PDB file of N, CA and C in Angstrom:
ATOM      1  N   MET A   1       6.949 -21.073 -11.284  1.00  0.00           N
ATOM      2  CA  MET A   1       6.101 -19.894 -11.388  1.00  0.00           C
ATOM      3  C   MET A   1       5.428 -19.637 -10.051  1.00  0.00           C
ATOM      4  N   ALA A   2       5.477 -18.404  -9.595  1.00  0.00           N
ATOM      5  CA  ALA A   2       4.909 -18.039  -8.297  1.00  0.00           C
ATOM      6  C   ALA A   2       3.394 -17.935  -8.386  1.00  0.00           C
ATOM      7  N   GLY A   3       2.744 -18.228  -7.267  1.00  0.00           N
ATOM      8  CA  GLY A   3       1.296 -18.128  -7.198  1.00  0.00           C
ATOM      9  C   GLY A   3       0.848 -16.736  -6.802  1.00  0.00           C
ATOM     10  N   LYS A   4      -0.386 -16.664  -6.359  1.00  0.00           N
ATOM     11  CA  LYS A   4      -0.968 -15.391  -5.924  1.00  0.00           C
ATOM     12  C   LYS A   4      -1.074 -15.369  -4.407  1.00  0.00           C
ATOM     13  N   ILE A   5      -0.992 -14.163  -3.862  1.00  0.00           N
ATOM     14  CA  ILE A   5      -1.198 -13.962  -2.429  1.00  0.00           C
ATOM     15  C   ILE A   5      -2.267 -12.900  -2.242  1.00  0.00           C
ATOM     16  N   LYS A   6      -2.873 -12.877  -1.058  1.00  0.00           N
ATOM     17  CA  LYS A   6      -3.901 -11.892  -0.752  1.00  0.00           C
ATOM     18  C   LYS A   6      -3.366 -10.945   0.315  1.00  0.00           C
ATOM     19  N   ILE A   7      -3.548  -9.641   0.071  1.00  0.00           N
ATOM     20  CA  ILE A   7      -3.117  -8.623   1.023  1.00  0.00           C
ATOM     21  C   ILE A   7      -4.247  -7.613   1.225  1.00  0.00           C
ATOM     22  N   GLU A   8      -4.109  -6.823   2.280  1.00  0.00           N
ATOM     23  CA  GLU A   8      -5.047  -5.732   2.533  1.00  0.00           C
ATOM     24  C   GLU A   8      -4.285  -4.420   2.422  1.00  0.00           C
ATOM     25  N   VAL A   9      -4.861  -3.486   1.688  1.00  0.00           N
ATOM     26  CA  VAL A   9      -4.247  -2.164   1.523  1.00  0.00           C
ATOM     27  C   VAL A   9      -5.193  -1.135   2.127  1.00  0.00           C
ATOM     28  N   ARG A  10      -4.620  -0.234   2.933  1.00  0.00           N
ATOM     29  CA  ARG A  10      -5.381   0.854   3.542  1.00  0.00           C
ATOM     30  C   ARG A  10      -4.761   2.181   3.119  1.00  0.00           C
ATOM     31  N   LEU A  11      -5.624   3.068   2.650  1.00  0.00           N
ATOM     32  CA  LEU A  11      -5.192   4.414   2.275  1.00  0.00           C
ATOM     33  C   LEU A  11      -5.797   5.397   3.271  1.00  0.00           C
ATOM     34  N   PHE A  12      -5.007   6.375   3.689  1.00  0.00           N
ATOM     35  CA  PHE A  12      -5.458   7.331   4.687  1.00  0.00           C
ATOM     36  C   PHE A  12      -5.475   8.752   4.134  1.00  0.00           C
ATOM     37  N   ALA A  13      -6.280   9.592   4.775  1.00  0.00           N
ATOM     38  CA  ALA A  13      -6.433  11.012   4.442  1.00  0.00           C
ATOM     39  C   ALA A  13      -6.830  11.166   2.968  1.00  0.00           C
ATOM     40  N   ASN A  14      -6.198  12.090   2.261  1.00  0.00           N
ATOM     41  CA  ASN A  14      -6.595  12.350   0.871  1.00  0.00           C
ATOM     42  C   ASN A  14      -6.287  11.186  -0.069  1.00  0.00           C
ATOM     43  N   LEU A  15      -5.426  10.262   0.320  1.00  0.00           N
ATOM     44  CA  LEU A  15      -5.134   9.098  -0.533  1.00  0.00           C
ATOM     45  C   LEU A  15      -6.351   8.185  -0.676  1.00  0.00           C
ATOM     46  N   ARG A  16      -7.273   8.241   0.302  1.00  0.00           N
ATOM     47  CA  ARG A  16      -8.474   7.393   0.254  1.00  0.00           C
ATOM     48  C   ARG A  16      -9.283   7.602  -1.021  1.00  0.00           C
ATOM     49  N   GLU A  17      -9.159   8.779  -1.606  1.00  0.00           N
ATOM     50  CA  GLU A  17      -9.907   9.103  -2.821  1.00  0.00           C
ATOM     51  C   GLU A  17      -9.517   8.216  -3.999  1.00  0.00           C
ATOM     52  N   MET A  18      -8.415   7.488  -3.882  1.00  0.00           N
ATOM     53  CA  MET A  18      -7.965   6.612  -4.963  1.00  0.00           C
ATOM     54  C   MET A  18      -8.779   5.319  -5.029  1.00  0.00           C
ATOM     55  N   PHE A  19      -9.476   4.994  -3.953  1.00  0.00           N
ATOM     56  CA  PHE A  19     -10.357   3.823  -3.917  1.00  0.00           C
ATOM     57  C   PHE A  19     -11.800   4.295  -3.971  1.00  0.00           C
ATOM     58  N   PRO A  20     -12.726   3.435  -4.387  1.00  0.00           N
ATOM     59  CA  PRO A  20     -14.134   3.836  -4.388  1.00  0.00           C
ATOM     60  C   PRO A  20     -14.585   4.279  -2.986  1.00  0.00           C
ATOM     61  N   GLN A  21     -15.464   5.261  -2.937  1.00  0.00           N
ATOM     62  CA  GLN A  21     -15.891   5.844  -1.664  1.00  0.00           C
ATOM     63  C   GLN A  21     -16.428   4.787  -0.695  1.00  0.00           C
ATOM     64  N   GLU A  22     -17.181   3.826  -1.200  1.00  0.00           N
ATOM     65  CA  GLU A  22     -17.782   2.816  -0.322  1.00  0.00           C
ATOM     66  C   GLU A  22     -16.741   1.898   0.329  1.00  0.00           C
ATOM     67  N   SER A  23     -15.518   1.880  -0.189  1.00  0.00           N
ATOM     68  CA  SER A  23     -14.479   1.023   0.392  1.00  0.00           C
ATOM     69  C   SER A  23     -13.914   1.608   1.676  1.00  0.00           C
ATOM     70  N   ARG A  24     -14.139   2.902   1.897  1.00  0.00           N
ATOM     71  CA  ARG A  24     -13.632   3.614   3.071  1.00  0.00           C
ATOM     72  C   ARG A  24     -12.110   3.502   3.200  1.00  0.00           C
ATOM     73  N   GLY A  25     -11.435   3.449   2.044  1.00  0.00           N
ATOM     74  CA  GLY A  25      -9.980   3.439   2.026  1.00  0.00           C
ATOM     75  C   GLY A  25      -9.344   2.085   2.250  1.00  0.00           C
ATOM     76  N   VAL A  26     -10.152   1.010   2.258  1.00  0.00           N
ATOM     77  CA  VAL A  26      -9.623  -0.336   2.499  1.00  0.00           C
ATOM     78  C   VAL A  26      -9.996  -1.224   1.315  1.00  0.00           C
ATOM     79  N   LYS A  27      -9.009  -1.974   0.825  1.00  0.00           N
ATOM     80  CA  LYS A  27      -9.267  -2.850  -0.318  1.00  0.00           C
ATOM     81  C   LYS A  27      -8.347  -4.060  -0.248  1.00  0.00           C
ATOM     82  N   GLU A  28      -8.884  -5.218  -0.589  1.00  0.00           N
ATOM     83  CA  GLU A  28      -8.064  -6.426  -0.683  1.00  0.00           C
ATOM     84  C   GLU A  28      -7.588  -6.585  -2.120  1.00  0.00           C
ATOM     85  N   PHE A  29      -6.359  -7.057  -2.239  1.00  0.00           N
ATOM     86  CA  PHE A  29      -5.771  -7.305  -3.551  1.00  0.00           C
ATOM     87  C   PHE A  29      -5.232  -8.721  -3.592  1.00  0.00           C
ATOM     88  N   GLN A  30      -5.316  -9.333  -4.760  1.00  0.00           N
ATOM     89  CA  GLN A  30      -4.588 -10.567  -5.035  1.00  0.00           C
ATOM     90  C   GLN A  30      -3.463 -10.171  -5.973  1.00  0.00           C
ATOM     91  N   ILE A  31      -2.242 -10.445  -5.540  1.00  0.00           N
ATOM     92  CA  ILE A  31      -1.071 -10.037  -6.312  1.00  0.00           C
ATOM     93  C   ILE A  31      -0.130 -11.232  -6.465  1.00  0.00           C
ATOM     94  N   PRO A  32       0.798 -11.164  -7.418  1.00  0.00           N
ATOM     95  CA  PRO A  32       1.793 -12.238  -7.538  1.00  0.00           C
ATOM     96  C   PRO A  32       2.625 -12.358  -6.263  1.00  0.00           C
ATOM     97  N   ALA A  33       3.029 -13.563  -5.932  1.00  0.00           N
ATOM     98  CA  ALA A  33       3.757 -13.836  -4.687  1.00  0.00           C
ATOM     99  C   ALA A  33       5.093 -13.102  -4.594  1.00  0.00           C
ATOM    100  N   ASP A  34       5.664 -12.686  -5.708  1.00  0.00           N
ATOM    101  CA  ASP A  34       6.965 -12.017  -5.672  1.00  0.00           C
ATOM    102  C   ASP A  34       6.853 -10.497  -5.802  1.00  0.00           C
ATOM    103  N   PHE A  35       5.674  -9.938  -5.539  1.00  0.00           N
ATOM    104  CA  PHE A  35       5.431  -8.493  -5.656  1.00  0.00           C
ATOM    105  C   PHE A  35       6.194  -7.715  -4.601  1.00  0.00           C
ATOM    106  N   SER A  36       6.692  -6.541  -4.981  1.00  0.00           N
ATOM    107  CA  SER A  36       7.362  -5.645  -4.036  1.00  0.00           C
ATOM    108  C   SER A  36       6.432  -4.471  -3.704  1.00  0.00           C
ATOM    109  N   ILE A  37       6.805  -3.723  -2.697  1.00  0.00           N
ATOM    110  CA  ILE A  37       6.042  -2.527  -2.349  1.00  0.00           C
ATOM    111  C   ILE A  37       6.038  -1.557  -3.522  1.00  0.00           C
ATOM    112  N   ASP A  38       7.154  -1.433  -4.204  1.00  0.00           N
ATOM    113  CA  ASP A  38       7.247  -0.551  -5.364  1.00  0.00           C
ATOM    114  C   ASP A  38       6.229  -0.933  -6.434  1.00  0.00           C
ATOM    115  N   GLN A  39       6.101  -2.217  -6.703  1.00  0.00           N
ATOM    116  CA  GLN A  39       5.124  -2.677  -7.694  1.00  0.00           C
ATOM    117  C   GLN A  39       3.695  -2.415  -7.221  1.00  0.00           C
ATOM    118  N   LEU A  40       3.462  -2.526  -5.921  1.00  0.00           N
ATOM    119  CA  LEU A  40       2.138  -2.237  -5.379  1.00  0.00           C
ATOM    120  C   LEU A  40       1.798  -0.758  -5.551  1.00  0.00           C
ATOM    121  N   VAL A  41       2.766   0.116  -5.326  1.00  0.00           N
ATOM    122  CA  VAL A  41       2.544   1.552  -5.528  1.00  0.00           C
ATOM    123  C   VAL A  41       2.127   1.801  -6.977  1.00  0.00           C
ATOM    124  N   ASP A  42       2.802   1.170  -7.931  1.00  0.00           N
ATOM    125  CA  ASP A  42       2.432   1.313  -9.346  1.00  0.00           C
ATOM    126  C   ASP A  42       1.022   0.808  -9.604  1.00  0.00           C
ATOM    127  N   LEU A  43       0.646  -0.300  -8.977  1.00  0.00           N
ATOM    128  CA  LEU A  43      -0.679  -0.890  -9.164  1.00  0.00           C
ATOM    129  C   LEU A  43      -1.779   0.034  -8.636  1.00  0.00           C
ATOM    130  N   ILE A  44      -1.548   0.656  -7.505  1.00  0.00           N
ATOM    131  CA  ILE A  44      -2.567   1.508  -6.889  1.00  0.00           C
ATOM    132  C   ILE A  44      -2.769   2.789  -7.680  1.00  0.00           C
ATOM    133  N   GLY A  45      -1.682   3.408  -8.111  1.00  0.00           N
ATOM    134  CA  GLY A  45      -1.846   4.624  -8.895  1.00  0.00           C
ATOM    135  C   GLY A  45      -0.876   5.716  -8.528  1.00  0.00           C
ATOM    136  N   ASP A  46      -1.346   6.933  -8.561  1.00  0.00           N
ATOM    137  CA  ASP A  46      -0.512   8.129  -8.442  1.00  0.00           C
ATOM    138  C   ASP A  46      -0.171   8.451  -6.991  1.00  0.00           C
ATOM    139  N   ILE A  47       0.820   7.743  -6.447  1.00  0.00           N
ATOM    140  CA  ILE A  47       1.296   7.991  -5.087  1.00  0.00           C
ATOM    141  C   ILE A  47       2.722   8.515  -5.182  1.00  0.00           C
ATOM    142  N   ASP A  48       2.978   9.633  -4.518  1.00  0.00           N
ATOM    143  CA  ASP A  48       4.299  10.268  -4.548  1.00  0.00           C
ATOM    144  C   ASP A  48       5.259   9.499  -3.645  1.00  0.00           C
ATOM    145  N   ARG A  49       6.156   8.766  -4.239  1.00  0.00           N
ATOM    146  CA  ARG A  49       7.112   7.946  -3.484  1.00  0.00           C
ATOM    147  C   ARG A  49       8.024   8.777  -2.574  1.00  0.00           C
ATOM    148  N   SER A  50       8.252  10.026  -2.931  1.00  0.00           N
ATOM    149  CA  SER A  50       9.185  10.841  -2.156  1.00  0.00           C
ATOM    150  C   SER A  50       8.581  11.349  -0.844  1.00  0.00           C
ATOM    151  N   THR A  51       7.261  11.314  -0.711  1.00  0.00           N
ATOM    152  CA  THR A  51       6.642  11.842   0.502  1.00  0.00           C
ATOM    153  C   THR A  51       5.748  10.855   1.249  1.00  0.00           C
ATOM    154  N   VAL A  52       5.334   9.788   0.603  1.00  0.00           N
ATOM    155  CA  VAL A  52       4.390   8.860   1.235  1.00  0.00           C
ATOM    156  C   VAL A  52       5.049   8.119   2.405  1.00  0.00           C
ATOM    157  N   ILE A  53       4.257   7.857   3.432  1.00  0.00           N
ATOM    158  CA  ILE A  53       4.689   7.046   4.568  1.00  0.00           C
ATOM    159  C   ILE A  53       4.020   5.686   4.418  1.00  0.00           C
ATOM    160  N   ILE A  54       4.819   4.622   4.453  1.00  0.00           N
ATOM    161  CA  ILE A  54       4.306   3.269   4.256  1.00  0.00           C
ATOM    162  C   ILE A  54       4.496   2.464   5.529  1.00  0.00           C
ATOM    163  N   MET A  55       3.430   1.769   5.906  1.00  0.00           N
ATOM    164  CA  MET A  55       3.479   0.861   7.051  1.00  0.00           C
ATOM    165  C   MET A  55       3.171  -0.545   6.531  1.00  0.00           C
ATOM    166  N   GLN A  56       3.993  -1.503   6.914  1.00  0.00           N
ATOM    167  CA  GLN A  56       3.764  -2.900   6.560  1.00  0.00           C
ATOM    168  C   GLN A  56       3.554  -3.662   7.865  1.00  0.00           C
ATOM    169  N   ASN A  57       2.340  -4.124   8.069  1.00  0.00           N
ATOM    170  CA  ASN A  57       1.970  -4.828   9.302  1.00  0.00           C
ATOM    171  C   ASN A  57       2.284  -3.999  10.549  1.00  0.00           C
ATOM    172  N   GLY A  58       1.977  -2.706  10.475  1.00  0.00           N
ATOM    173  CA  GLY A  58       2.144  -1.831  11.616  1.00  0.00           C
ATOM    174  C   GLY A  58       3.537  -1.278  11.838  1.00  0.00           C
ATOM    175  N   ARG A  59       4.459  -1.582  10.943  1.00  0.00           N
ATOM    176  CA  ARG A  59       5.843  -1.094  11.086  1.00  0.00           C
ATOM    177  C   ARG A  59       6.211  -0.248   9.874  1.00  0.00           C
ATOM    178  N   ARG A  60       6.882   0.843  10.124  1.00  0.00           N
ATOM    179  CA  ARG A  60       7.294   1.749   9.046  1.00  0.00           C
ATOM    180  C   ARG A  60       8.246   1.021   8.102  1.00  0.00           C
ATOM    181  N   GLU A  61       8.007   1.179   6.817  1.00  0.00           N
ATOM    182  CA  GLU A  61       8.850   0.543   5.809  1.00  0.00           C
ATOM    183  C   GLU A  61       9.327   1.603   4.821  1.00  0.00           C
ATOM    184  N   LYS A  62      10.646   1.706   4.646  1.00  0.00           N
ATOM    185  CA  LYS A  62      11.215   2.683   3.729  1.00  0.00           C
ATOM    186  C   LYS A  62      11.808   2.036   2.481  1.00  0.00           C
ATOM    187  N   ASP A  63      11.917   0.709   2.476  1.00  0.00           N
ATOM    188  CA  ASP A  63      12.515  -0.023   1.358  1.00  0.00           C
ATOM    189  C   ASP A  63      11.423  -0.415   0.367  1.00  0.00           C
ATOM    190  N   PHE A  64      11.334   0.330  -0.732  1.00  0.00           N
ATOM    191  CA  PHE A  64      10.309   0.048  -1.735  1.00  0.00           C
ATOM    192  C   PHE A  64      10.541  -1.286  -2.438  1.00  0.00           C
ATOM    193  N   GLY A  65      11.733  -1.836  -2.339  1.00  0.00           N
ATOM    194  CA  GLY A  65      12.038  -3.117  -2.959  1.00  0.00           C
ATOM    195  C   GLY A  65      11.639  -4.311  -2.114  1.00  0.00           C
ATOM    196  N   LYS A  66      11.195  -4.069  -0.881  1.00  0.00           N
ATOM    197  CA  LYS A  66      10.835  -5.165   0.024  1.00  0.00           C
ATOM    198  C   LYS A  66       9.655  -5.958  -0.535  1.00  0.00           C
ATOM    199  N   LYS A  67       9.771  -7.266  -0.460  1.00  0.00           N
ATOM    200  CA  LYS A  67       8.710  -8.146  -0.949  1.00  0.00           C
ATOM    201  C   LYS A  67       7.537  -8.177   0.031  1.00  0.00           C
ATOM    202  N   ILE A  68       6.360  -8.353  -0.527  1.00  0.00           N
ATOM    203  CA  ILE A  68       5.129  -8.435   0.259  1.00  0.00           C
ATOM    204  C   ILE A  68       4.800  -9.900   0.456  1.00  0.00           C
ATOM    205  N   LYS A  69       4.314 -10.235   1.658  1.00  0.00           N
ATOM    206  CA  LYS A  69       3.974 -11.620   1.982  1.00  0.00           C
ATOM    207  C   LYS A  69       2.463 -11.789   2.089  1.00  0.00           C
ATOM    208  N   ASP A  70       2.013 -13.020   1.926  1.00  0.00           N
ATOM    209  CA  ASP A  70       0.596 -13.345   2.032  1.00  0.00           C
ATOM    210  C   ASP A  70       0.051 -12.866   3.381  1.00  0.00           C
ATOM    211  N   GLY A  71      -1.076 -12.190   3.344  1.00  0.00           N
ATOM    212  CA  GLY A  71      -1.728 -11.716   4.564  1.00  0.00           C
ATOM    213  C   GLY A  71      -1.225 -10.380   5.073  1.00  0.00           C
ATOM    214  N   ASP A  72      -0.226  -9.788   4.415  1.00  0.00           N
ATOM    215  CA  ASP A  72       0.290  -8.494   4.863  1.00  0.00           C
ATOM    216  C   ASP A  72      -0.787  -7.424   4.795  1.00  0.00           C
ATOM    217  N   ARG A  73      -0.653  -6.454   5.699  1.00  0.00           N
ATOM    218  CA  ARG A  73      -1.483  -5.251   5.677  1.00  0.00           C
ATOM    219  C   ARG A  73      -0.538  -4.086   5.379  1.00  0.00           C
ATOM    220  N   ILE A  74      -0.802  -3.437   4.268  1.00  0.00           N
ATOM    221  CA  ILE A  74       0.032  -2.324   3.835  1.00  0.00           C
ATOM    222  C   ILE A  74      -0.802  -1.049   3.929  1.00  0.00           C
ATOM    223  N   ALA A  75      -0.279  -0.048   4.625  1.00  0.00           N
ATOM    224  CA  ALA A  75      -0.986   1.226   4.788  1.00  0.00           C
ATOM    225  C   ALA A  75      -0.152   2.348   4.188  1.00  0.00           C
ATOM    226  N   PHE A  76      -0.832   3.275   3.537  1.00  0.00           N
ATOM    227  CA  PHE A  76      -0.191   4.433   2.927  1.00  0.00           C
ATOM    228  C   PHE A  76      -0.751   5.704   3.569  1.00  0.00           C
ATOM    229  N   PHE A  77       0.152   6.553   4.035  1.00  0.00           N
ATOM    230  CA  PHE A  77      -0.208   7.820   4.659  1.00  0.00           C
ATOM    231  C   PHE A  77       0.447   8.962   3.888  1.00  0.00           C
ATOM    232  N   PRO A  78      -0.280  10.054   3.667  1.00  0.00           N
ATOM    233  CA  PRO A  78       0.383  11.222   3.091  1.00  0.00           C
ATOM    234  C   PRO A  78       1.288  11.847   4.140  1.00  0.00           C
ATOM    235  N   PRO A  79       2.181  12.729   3.727  1.00  0.00           N
ATOM    236  CA  PRO A  79       3.036  13.380   4.730  1.00  0.00           C
ATOM    237  C   PRO A  79       2.180  14.171   5.708  1.00  0.00           C
ATOM    238  N   VAL A  80       2.652  14.224   6.937  1.00  0.00           N
ATOM    239  CA  VAL A  80       1.914  14.921   7.978  1.00  0.00           C
ATOM    240  C   VAL A  80       2.410  16.354   8.052  1.00  0.00           C
ATOM    241  N   GLY A  81       1.484  17.284   8.063  1.00  0.00           N
ATOM    242  CA  GLY A  81       1.836  18.685   8.180  1.00  0.00           C
ATOM    243  C   GLY A  81       1.246  19.261   9.453  1.00  0.00           C
ATOM    244  N   GLY A  82       1.738  20.328   9.840  1.00  0.00           N
ATOM    245  CA  GLY A  82       1.202  20.962  11.057  1.00  0.00           C
ATOM    246  C   GLY A  82       1.569  22.426  11.069  1.00  0.00           C
ATOM    247  N   GLY A  83       1.090  23.067  12.087  1.00  0.00           N
ATOM    248  CA  GLY A  83       1.439  24.462  12.157  1.00  0.00           C
ATOM    249  C   GLY A  83       0.716  25.165  13.252  1.00  0.00           C
TER     250      GLY A  83
END
């Protein structure tokens, strides 16, 4: 049976509203050691998988099946628009 790991999740722009205001978009989670990014998205809430930009330890990650490791920093960004 796998243990628990600790990670840091950062939400940016309008996604920050998913965490309490005082957290300023940053929250630590303890999750099962075999958790994937996809499972983390489900845990956090209503994030659109088709448009969200995910960074794992500062690197863009497109594989939602990728496993998360102890101490990882996962950041979620909404799509960037301009004009």
